[in-house]
Amino acid sequence: AKQEEVLELYFGRTGHQYTVGRVPINSCDFSPQSYSFDDAADDFEMAQFDKEVTHDRDNGMIDFVRAASTKAQSIGNSVVVYGSP
């Protein structure tokens, strides 16, 4: 119920109707804990990078981004999401 309220306030008809979002790659200042998608030392080729973004998937971030997109689409908008380090 609270998640739907937040989605409406940010992306819905009665809210701000945002159309741009930012998703951090790895943890950021808003993260409840520190995490990384590649903890391998000296992995400059990023061979160990978690391409499945397991942390974000398992913690609901991917589902929330999809829900935000669906909410925006329900009123004729689309959301552009940027990944940032």
PDB file of N, CA and C in Angstrom:
ATOM      1  N   ALA A   1       0.826  -1.195   0.000  1.00  0.00           N
ATOM      2  CA  ALA A   1       0.000   0.000   0.000  1.00  0.00           C
ATOM      3  C   ALA A   1       0.874   1.265   0.000  1.00  0.00           C
ATOM      4  N   LYS A   2       1.922   1.265   0.812  1.00  0.00           N
ATOM      5  CA  LYS A   2       2.813   2.441   0.856  1.00  0.00           C
ATOM      6  C   LYS A   2       3.577   2.602  -0.457  1.00  0.00           C
ATOM      7  N   GLN A   3       3.990   1.471  -1.053  1.00  0.00           N
ATOM      8  CA  GLN A   3       4.712   1.563  -2.315  1.00  0.00           C
ATOM      9  C   GLN A   3       3.813   2.168  -3.394  1.00  0.00           C
ATOM     10  N   GLU A   4       2.574   1.765  -3.444  1.00  0.00           N
ATOM     11  CA  GLU A   4       1.642   2.326  -4.425  1.00  0.00           C
ATOM     12  C   GLU A   4       1.442   3.822  -4.177  1.00  0.00           C
ATOM     13  N   GLU A   5       1.405   4.220  -2.926  1.00  0.00           N
ATOM     14  CA  GLU A   5       1.268   5.644  -2.588  1.00  0.00           C
ATOM     15  C   GLU A   5       2.478   6.435  -3.096  1.00  0.00           C
ATOM     16  N   VAL A   6       3.663   5.903  -2.880  1.00  0.00           N
ATOM     17  CA  VAL A   6       4.885   6.558  -3.348  1.00  0.00           C
ATOM     18  C   VAL A   6       4.901   6.636  -4.872  1.00  0.00           C
ATOM     19  N   LEU A   7       4.529   5.542  -5.536  1.00  0.00           N
ATOM     20  CA  LEU A   7       4.487   5.546  -6.998  1.00  0.00           C
ATOM     21  C   LEU A   7       3.524   6.610  -7.518  1.00  0.00           C
ATOM     22  N   GLU A   8       2.362   6.736  -6.884  1.00  0.00           N
ATOM     23  CA  GLU A   8       1.394   7.750  -7.306  1.00  0.00           C
ATOM     24  C   GLU A   8       1.937   9.159  -7.072  1.00  0.00           C
ATOM     25  N   LEU A   9       2.575   9.381  -5.933  1.00  0.00           N
ATOM     26  CA  LEU A   9       3.101  10.711  -5.619  1.00  0.00           C
ATOM     27  C   LEU A   9       4.216  11.141  -6.577  1.00  0.00           C
ATOM     28  N   TYR A  10       5.023  10.197  -7.022  1.00  0.00           N
ATOM     29  CA  TYR A  10       6.135  10.531  -7.907  1.00  0.00           C
ATOM     30  C   TYR A  10       5.781  10.459  -9.385  1.00  0.00           C
ATOM     31  N   PHE A  11       5.017   9.418  -9.781  1.00  0.00           N
ATOM     32  CA  PHE A  11       4.820   9.147 -11.204  1.00  0.00           C
ATOM     33  C   PHE A  11       3.363   9.221 -11.661  1.00  0.00           C
ATOM     34  N   GLY A  12       2.415   9.339 -10.753  1.00  0.00           N
ATOM     35  CA  GLY A  12       1.007   9.266 -11.100  1.00  0.00           C
ATOM     36  C   GLY A  12       0.362  10.583 -11.477  1.00  0.00           C
ATOM     37  N   ARG A  13      -0.892  10.476 -11.869  1.00  0.00           N
ATOM     38  CA  ARG A  13      -1.669  11.626 -12.324  1.00  0.00           C
ATOM     39  C   ARG A  13      -1.786  12.705 -11.252  1.00  0.00           C
ATOM     40  N   THR A  14      -1.944  12.309  -9.988  1.00  0.00           N
ATOM     41  CA  THR A  14      -2.116  13.298  -8.914  1.00  0.00           C
ATOM     42  C   THR A  14      -0.796  13.703  -8.274  1.00  0.00           C
ATOM     43  N   GLY A  15       0.308  13.120  -8.780  1.00  0.00           N
ATOM     44  CA  GLY A  15       1.624  13.426  -8.216  1.00  0.00           C
ATOM     45  C   GLY A  15       2.439  14.331  -9.116  1.00  0.00           C
ATOM     46  N   HIS A  16       3.750  14.211  -8.994  1.00  0.00           N
ATOM     47  CA  HIS A  16       4.674  15.067  -9.750  1.00  0.00           C
ATOM     48  C   HIS A  16       4.817  14.673 -11.216  1.00  0.00           C
ATOM     49  N   GLN A  17       4.421  13.467 -11.557  1.00  0.00           N
ATOM     50  CA  GLN A  17       4.510  12.947 -12.925  1.00  0.00           C
ATOM     51  C   GLN A  17       5.948  12.961 -13.451  1.00  0.00           C
ATOM     52  N   TYR A  18       6.882  12.514 -12.621  1.00  0.00           N
ATOM     53  CA  TYR A  18       8.277  12.450 -13.055  1.00  0.00           C
ATOM     54  C   TYR A  18       8.415  11.543 -14.270  1.00  0.00           C
ATOM     55  N   THR A  19       9.351  11.872 -15.143  1.00  0.00           N
ATOM     56  CA  THR A  19       9.615  11.074 -16.335  1.00  0.00           C
ATOM     57  C   THR A  19      11.090  10.690 -16.458  1.00  0.00           C
ATOM     58  N   VAL A  20      11.893  11.046 -15.489  1.00  0.00           N
ATOM     59  CA  VAL A  20      13.318  10.712 -15.481  1.00  0.00           C
ATOM     60  C   VAL A  20      13.678  10.148 -14.118  1.00  0.00           C
ATOM     61  N   GLY A  21      14.472   9.090 -14.122  1.00  0.00           N
ATOM     62  CA  GLY A  21      14.930   8.501 -12.868  1.00  0.00           C
ATOM     63  C   GLY A  21      16.399   8.142 -12.957  1.00  0.00           C
ATOM     64  N   ARG A  22      17.018   7.988 -11.809  1.00  0.00           N
ATOM     65  CA  ARG A  22      18.437   7.597 -11.735  1.00  0.00           C
ATOM     66  C   ARG A  22      18.553   6.386 -10.840  1.00  0.00           C
ATOM     67  N   VAL A  23      19.260   5.393 -11.320  1.00  0.00           N
ATOM     68  CA  VAL A  23      19.516   4.196 -10.534  1.00  0.00           C
ATOM     69  C   VAL A  23      21.027   4.090 -10.354  1.00  0.00           C
ATOM     70  N   PRO A  24      21.509   4.071  -9.115  1.00  0.00           N
ATOM     71  CA  PRO A  24      22.951   3.981  -8.908  1.00  0.00           C
ATOM     72  C   PRO A  24      23.486   2.589  -9.250  1.00  0.00           C
ATOM     73  N   ILE A  25      24.675   2.561  -9.827  1.00  0.00           N
ATOM     74  CA  ILE A  25      25.388   1.311 -10.031  1.00  0.00           C
ATOM     75  C   ILE A  25      26.262   1.145  -8.796  1.00  0.00           C
ATOM     76  N   ASN A  26      26.006   0.111  -8.030  1.00  0.00           N
ATOM     77  CA  ASN A  26      26.580  -0.115  -6.701  1.00  0.00           C
ATOM     78  C   ASN A  26      25.826   0.744  -5.692  1.00  0.00           C
ATOM     79  N   SER A  27      26.277   0.756  -4.472  1.00  0.00           N
ATOM     80  CA  SER A  27      25.588   1.524  -3.439  1.00  0.00           C
ATOM     81  C   SER A  27      25.879   3.014  -3.598  1.00  0.00           C
ATOM     82  N   CYS A  28      25.054   3.831  -2.961  1.00  0.00           N
ATOM     83  CA  CYS A  28      25.247   5.276  -3.009  1.00  0.00           C
ATOM     84  C   CYS A  28      24.893   5.855  -1.641  1.00  0.00           C
ATOM     85  N   ASP A  29      24.839   7.157  -1.539  1.00  0.00           N
ATOM     86  CA  ASP A  29      24.568   7.791  -0.254  1.00  0.00           C
ATOM     87  C   ASP A  29      23.154   7.500   0.262  1.00  0.00           C
ATOM     88  N   PHE A  30      22.250   7.031  -0.592  1.00  0.00           N
ATOM     89  CA  PHE A  30      20.897   6.698  -0.155  1.00  0.00           C
ATOM     90  C   PHE A  30      20.740   5.215   0.188  1.00  0.00           C
ATOM     91  N   SER A  31      21.778   4.422  -0.047  1.00  0.00           N
ATOM     92  CA  SER A  31      21.701   2.982   0.219  1.00  0.00           C
ATOM     93  C   SER A  31      21.776   2.703   1.716  1.00  0.00           C
ATOM     94  N   PRO A  32      20.961   1.762   2.192  1.00  0.00           N
ATOM     95  CA  PRO A  32      21.016   1.420   3.612  1.00  0.00           C
ATOM     96  C   PRO A  32      22.302   0.685   3.993  1.00  0.00           C
ATOM     97  N   GLN A  33      23.004   0.123   3.000  1.00  0.00           N
ATOM     98  CA  GLN A  33      24.276  -0.548   3.252  1.00  0.00           C
ATOM     99  C   GLN A  33      25.145  -0.458   2.003  1.00  0.00           C
ATOM    100  N   SER A  34      26.423  -0.701   2.178  1.00  0.00           N
ATOM    101  CA  SER A  34      27.355  -0.650   1.057  1.00  0.00           C
ATOM    102  C   SER A  34      27.335  -1.978   0.307  1.00  0.00           C
ATOM    103  N   TYR A  35      27.341  -1.912  -1.018  1.00  0.00           N
ATOM    104  CA  TYR A  35      27.436  -3.117  -1.835  1.00  0.00           C
ATOM    105  C   TYR A  35      28.082  -2.774  -3.168  1.00  0.00           C
ATOM    106  N   SER A  36      28.524  -3.800  -3.865  1.00  0.00           N
ATOM    107  CA  SER A  36      29.193  -3.623  -5.143  1.00  0.00           C
ATOM    108  C   SER A  36      28.794  -4.760  -6.073  1.00  0.00           C
ATOM    109  N   PHE A  37      28.804  -4.506  -7.362  1.00  0.00           N
ATOM    110  CA  PHE A  37      28.538  -5.552  -8.337  1.00  0.00           C
ATOM    111  C   PHE A  37      29.810  -6.237  -8.804  1.00  0.00           C
ATOM    112  N   ASP A  38      30.965  -5.789  -8.299  1.00  0.00           N
ATOM    113  CA  ASP A  38      32.235  -6.420  -8.659  1.00  0.00           C
ATOM    114  C   ASP A  38      33.244  -6.135  -7.550  1.00  0.00           C
ATOM    115  N   ASP A  39      33.424  -7.101  -6.679  1.00  0.00           N
ATOM    116  CA  ASP A  39      34.350  -6.948  -5.554  1.00  0.00           C
ATOM    117  C   ASP A  39      35.715  -7.577  -5.824  1.00  0.00           C
ATOM    118  N   ALA A  40      35.942  -8.090  -7.020  1.00  0.00           N
ATOM    119  CA  ALA A  40      37.210  -8.739  -7.340  1.00  0.00           C
ATOM    120  C   ALA A  40      38.314  -7.690  -7.485  1.00  0.00           C
ATOM    121  N   ALA A  41      39.385  -7.892  -6.777  1.00  0.00           N
ATOM    122  CA  ALA A  41      40.520  -6.965  -6.834  1.00  0.00           C
ATOM    123  C   ALA A  41      41.129  -6.951  -8.232  1.00  0.00           C
ATOM    124  N   ASP A  42      41.492  -5.778  -8.692  1.00  0.00           N
ATOM    125  CA  ASP A  42      42.189  -5.588  -9.972  1.00  0.00           C
ATOM    126  C   ASP A  42      41.412  -6.133 -11.183  1.00  0.00           C
ATOM    127  N   ASP A  43      40.117  -6.183 -11.114  1.00  0.00           N
ATOM    128  CA  ASP A  43      39.294  -6.680 -12.221  1.00  0.00           C
ATOM    129  C   ASP A  43      38.955  -5.521 -13.155  1.00  0.00           C
ATOM    130  N   PHE A  44      39.971  -5.001 -13.827  1.00  0.00           N
ATOM    131  CA  PHE A  44      39.801  -3.838 -14.689  1.00  0.00           C
ATOM    132  C   PHE A  44      38.997  -4.154 -15.952  1.00  0.00           C
ATOM    133  N   GLU A  45      38.952  -5.412 -16.324  1.00  0.00           N
ATOM    134  CA  GLU A  45      38.154  -5.841 -17.480  1.00  0.00           C
ATOM    135  C   GLU A  45      36.703  -6.122 -17.072  1.00  0.00           C
ATOM    136  N   MET A  46      36.427  -6.030 -15.785  1.00  0.00           N
ATOM    137  CA  MET A  46      35.092  -6.271 -15.214  1.00  0.00           C
ATOM    138  C   MET A  46      34.560  -7.667 -15.556  1.00  0.00           C
ATOM    139  N   ALA A  47      35.456  -8.632 -15.577  1.00  0.00           N
ATOM    140  CA  ALA A  47      35.073 -10.015 -15.876  1.00  0.00           C
ATOM    141  C   ALA A  47      34.171 -10.594 -14.790  1.00  0.00           C
ATOM    142  N   GLN A  48      34.296 -10.088 -13.565  1.00  0.00           N
ATOM    143  CA  GLN A  48      33.505 -10.592 -12.450  1.00  0.00           C
ATOM    144  C   GLN A  48      32.260  -9.750 -12.171  1.00  0.00           C
ATOM    145  N   PHE A  49      31.998  -8.752 -13.009  1.00  0.00           N
ATOM    146  CA  PHE A  49      30.841  -7.877 -12.807  1.00  0.00           C
ATOM    147  C   PHE A  49      29.553  -8.698 -12.828  1.00  0.00           C
ATOM    148  N   ASP A  50      28.683  -8.456 -11.873  1.00  0.00           N
ATOM    149  CA  ASP A  50      27.418  -9.183 -11.766  1.00  0.00           C
ATOM    150  C   ASP A  50      26.408  -8.614 -12.772  1.00  0.00           C
ATOM    151  N   LYS A  51      26.399  -9.168 -13.956  1.00  0.00           N
ATOM    152  CA  LYS A  51      25.517  -8.681 -15.023  1.00  0.00           C
ATOM    153  C   LYS A  51      24.042  -8.923 -14.716  1.00  0.00           C
ATOM    154  N   GLU A  52      23.770  -9.781 -13.764  1.00  0.00           N
ATOM    155  CA  GLU A  52      22.380 -10.067 -13.374  1.00  0.00           C
ATOM    156  C   GLU A  52      21.889  -9.087 -12.307  1.00  0.00           C
ATOM    157  N   VAL A  53      22.727  -8.160 -11.900  1.00  0.00           N
ATOM    158  CA  VAL A  53      22.440  -7.181 -10.841  1.00  0.00           C
ATOM    159  C   VAL A  53      21.653  -7.818  -9.688  1.00  0.00           C
ATOM    160  N   THR A  54      22.197  -8.910  -9.202  1.00  0.00           N
ATOM    161  CA  THR A  54      21.542  -9.734  -8.184  1.00  0.00           C
ATOM    162  C   THR A  54      21.088  -8.925  -6.982  1.00  0.00           C
ATOM    163  N   HIS A  55      21.919  -8.027  -6.488  1.00  0.00           N
ATOM    164  CA  HIS A  55      21.546  -7.247  -5.306  1.00  0.00           C
ATOM    165  C   HIS A  55      20.271  -6.447  -5.554  1.00  0.00           C
ATOM    166  N   ASP A  56      20.230  -5.717  -6.651  1.00  0.00           N
ATOM    167  CA  ASP A  56      19.063  -4.878  -6.950  1.00  0.00           C
ATOM    168  C   ASP A  56      17.827  -5.721  -7.255  1.00  0.00           C
ATOM    169  N   ARG A  57      18.020  -6.832  -7.923  1.00  0.00           N
ATOM    170  CA  ARG A  57      16.894  -7.720  -8.216  1.00  0.00           C
ATOM    171  C   ARG A  57      16.324  -8.304  -6.923  1.00  0.00           C
ATOM    172  N   ASP A  58      17.196  -8.811  -6.069  1.00  0.00           N
ATOM    173  CA  ASP A  58      16.756  -9.459  -4.833  1.00  0.00           C
ATOM    174  C   ASP A  58      16.166  -8.485  -3.815  1.00  0.00           C
ATOM    175  N   ASN A  59      16.530  -7.214  -3.911  1.00  0.00           N
ATOM    176  CA  ASN A  59      16.032  -6.220  -2.963  1.00  0.00           C
ATOM    177  C   ASN A  59      14.865  -5.388  -3.496  1.00  0.00           C
ATOM    178  N   GLY A  60      14.353  -5.750  -4.650  1.00  0.00           N
ATOM    179  CA  GLY A  60      13.148  -5.114  -5.159  1.00  0.00           C
ATOM    180  C   GLY A  60      13.336  -3.871  -5.996  1.00  0.00           C
ATOM    181  N   MET A  61      14.586  -3.442  -6.228  1.00  0.00           N
ATOM    182  CA  MET A  61      14.794  -2.214  -6.996  1.00  0.00           C
ATOM    183  C   MET A  61      14.304  -2.372  -8.434  1.00  0.00           C
ATOM    184  N   ILE A  62      14.596  -3.507  -9.056  1.00  0.00           N
ATOM    185  CA  ILE A  62      14.189  -3.725 -10.447  1.00  0.00           C
ATOM    186  C   ILE A  62      12.660  -3.718 -10.543  1.00  0.00           C
ATOM    187  N   ASP A  63      11.995  -4.397  -9.619  1.00  0.00           N
ATOM    188  CA  ASP A  63      10.527  -4.410  -9.615  1.00  0.00           C
ATOM    189  C   ASP A  63       9.951  -3.010  -9.417  1.00  0.00           C
ATOM    190  N   PHE A  64      10.602  -2.206  -8.564  1.00  0.00           N
ATOM    191  CA  PHE A  64      10.113  -0.851  -8.317  1.00  0.00           C
ATOM    192  C   PHE A  64      10.269   0.024  -9.560  1.00  0.00           C
ATOM    193  N   VAL A  65      11.381  -0.101 -10.257  1.00  0.00           N
ATOM    194  CA  VAL A  65      11.591   0.667 -11.483  1.00  0.00           C
ATOM    195  C   VAL A  65      10.545   0.275 -12.522  1.00  0.00           C
ATOM    196  N   ARG A  66      10.265  -1.005 -12.619  1.00  0.00           N
ATOM    197  CA  ARG A  66       9.223  -1.463 -13.550  1.00  0.00           C
ATOM    198  C   ARG A  66       7.855  -0.915 -13.150  1.00  0.00           C
ATOM    199  N   ALA A  67       7.559  -0.921 -11.863  1.00  0.00           N
ATOM    200  CA  ALA A  67       6.277  -0.396 -11.386  1.00  0.00           C
ATOM    201  C   ALA A  67       6.162   1.100 -11.668  1.00  0.00           C
ATOM    202  N   ALA A  68       7.260   1.829 -11.520  1.00  0.00           N
ATOM    203  CA  ALA A  68       7.260   3.267 -11.825  1.00  0.00           C
ATOM    204  C   ALA A  68       6.978   3.487 -13.304  1.00  0.00           C
ATOM    205  N   SER A  69       7.584   2.689 -14.138  1.00  0.00           N
ATOM    206  CA  SER A  69       7.356   2.797 -15.579  1.00  0.00           C
ATOM    207  C   SER A  69       5.897   2.507 -15.917  1.00  0.00           C
ATOM    208  N   THR A  70       5.340   1.483 -15.305  1.00  0.00           N
ATOM    209  CA  THR A  70       3.934   1.124 -15.534  1.00  0.00           C
ATOM    210  C   THR A  70       3.008   2.245 -15.079  1.00  0.00           C
ATOM    211  N   LYS A  71       3.302   2.831 -13.925  1.00  0.00           N
ATOM    212  CA  LYS A  71       2.491   3.935 -13.401  1.00  0.00           C
ATOM    213  C   LYS A  71       2.536   5.122 -14.367  1.00  0.00           C
ATOM    214  N   ALA A  72       3.706   5.469 -14.844  1.00  0.00           N
ATOM    215  CA  ALA A  72       3.833   6.588 -15.784  1.00  0.00           C
ATOM    216  C   ALA A  72       3.097   6.287 -17.083  1.00  0.00           C
ATOM    217  N   GLN A  73       3.215   5.070 -17.577  1.00  0.00           N
ATOM    218  CA  GLN A  73       2.546   4.692 -18.818  1.00  0.00           C
ATOM    219  C   GLN A  73       1.037   4.745 -18.677  1.00  0.00           C
ATOM    220  N   SER A  74       0.533   4.510 -17.479  1.00  0.00           N
ATOM    221  CA  SER A  74      -0.918   4.516 -17.269  1.00  0.00           C
ATOM    222  C   SER A  74      -1.532   5.897 -17.492  1.00  0.00           C
ATOM    223  N   ILE A  75      -0.697   6.939 -17.481  1.00  0.00           N
ATOM    224  CA  ILE A  75      -1.203   8.292 -17.748  1.00  0.00           C
ATOM    225  C   ILE A  75      -0.573   8.880 -19.012  1.00  0.00           C
ATOM    226  N   GLY A  76      -0.001   8.013 -19.835  1.00  0.00           N
ATOM    227  CA  GLY A  76       0.535   8.459 -21.116  1.00  0.00           C
ATOM    228  C   GLY A  76       1.965   8.951 -21.099  1.00  0.00           C
ATOM    229  N   ASN A  77       2.675   8.765 -20.005  1.00  0.00           N
ATOM    230  CA  ASN A  77       4.079   9.185 -19.916  1.00  0.00           C
ATOM    231  C   ASN A  77       4.985   7.967 -20.023  1.00  0.00           C
ATOM    232  N   SER A  78       6.256   8.208 -20.193  1.00  0.00           N
ATOM    233  CA  SER A  78       7.259   7.157 -20.115  1.00  0.00           C
ATOM    234  C   SER A  78       8.390   7.658 -19.224  1.00  0.00           C
ATOM    235  N   VAL A  79       9.069   6.723 -18.592  1.00  0.00           N
ATOM    236  CA  VAL A  79      10.163   7.068 -17.683  1.00  0.00           C
ATOM    237  C   VAL A  79      11.481   6.662 -18.318  1.00  0.00           C
ATOM    238  N   VAL A  80      12.427   7.585 -18.370  1.00  0.00           N
ATOM    239  CA  VAL A  80      13.789   7.305 -18.790  1.00  0.00           C
ATOM    240  C   VAL A  80      14.604   7.091 -17.531  1.00  0.00           C
ATOM    241  N   VAL A  81      15.318   5.967 -17.468  1.00  0.00           N
ATOM    242  CA  VAL A  81      16.111   5.650 -16.280  1.00  0.00           C
ATOM    243  C   VAL A  81      17.583   5.649 -16.664  1.00  0.00           C
ATOM    244  N   TYR A  82      18.376   6.394 -15.907  1.00  0.00           N
ATOM    245  CA  TYR A  82      19.825   6.466 -16.122  1.00  0.00           C
ATOM    246  C   TYR A  82      20.528   5.692 -15.023  1.00  0.00           C
ATOM    247  N   GLY A  83      21.517   4.881 -15.412  1.00  0.00           N
ATOM    248  CA  GLY A  83      22.382   4.239 -14.450  1.00  0.00           C
ATOM    249  C   GLY A  83      23.587   5.133 -14.224  1.00  0.00           C
ATOM    250  N   SER A  84      23.937   5.340 -12.956  1.00  0.00           N
ATOM    251  CA  SER A  84      25.080   6.215 -12.668  1.00  0.00           C
ATOM    252  C   SER A  84      25.967   5.576 -11.606  1.00  0.00           C
ATOM    253  N   PRO A  85      27.265   5.781 -11.726  1.00  0.00           N
ATOM    254  CA  PRO A  85      28.188   5.213 -10.745  1.00  0.00           C
ATOM    255  C   PRO A  85      28.125   5.954  -9.413  1.00  0.00           C
TER     256      PRO A  85
END
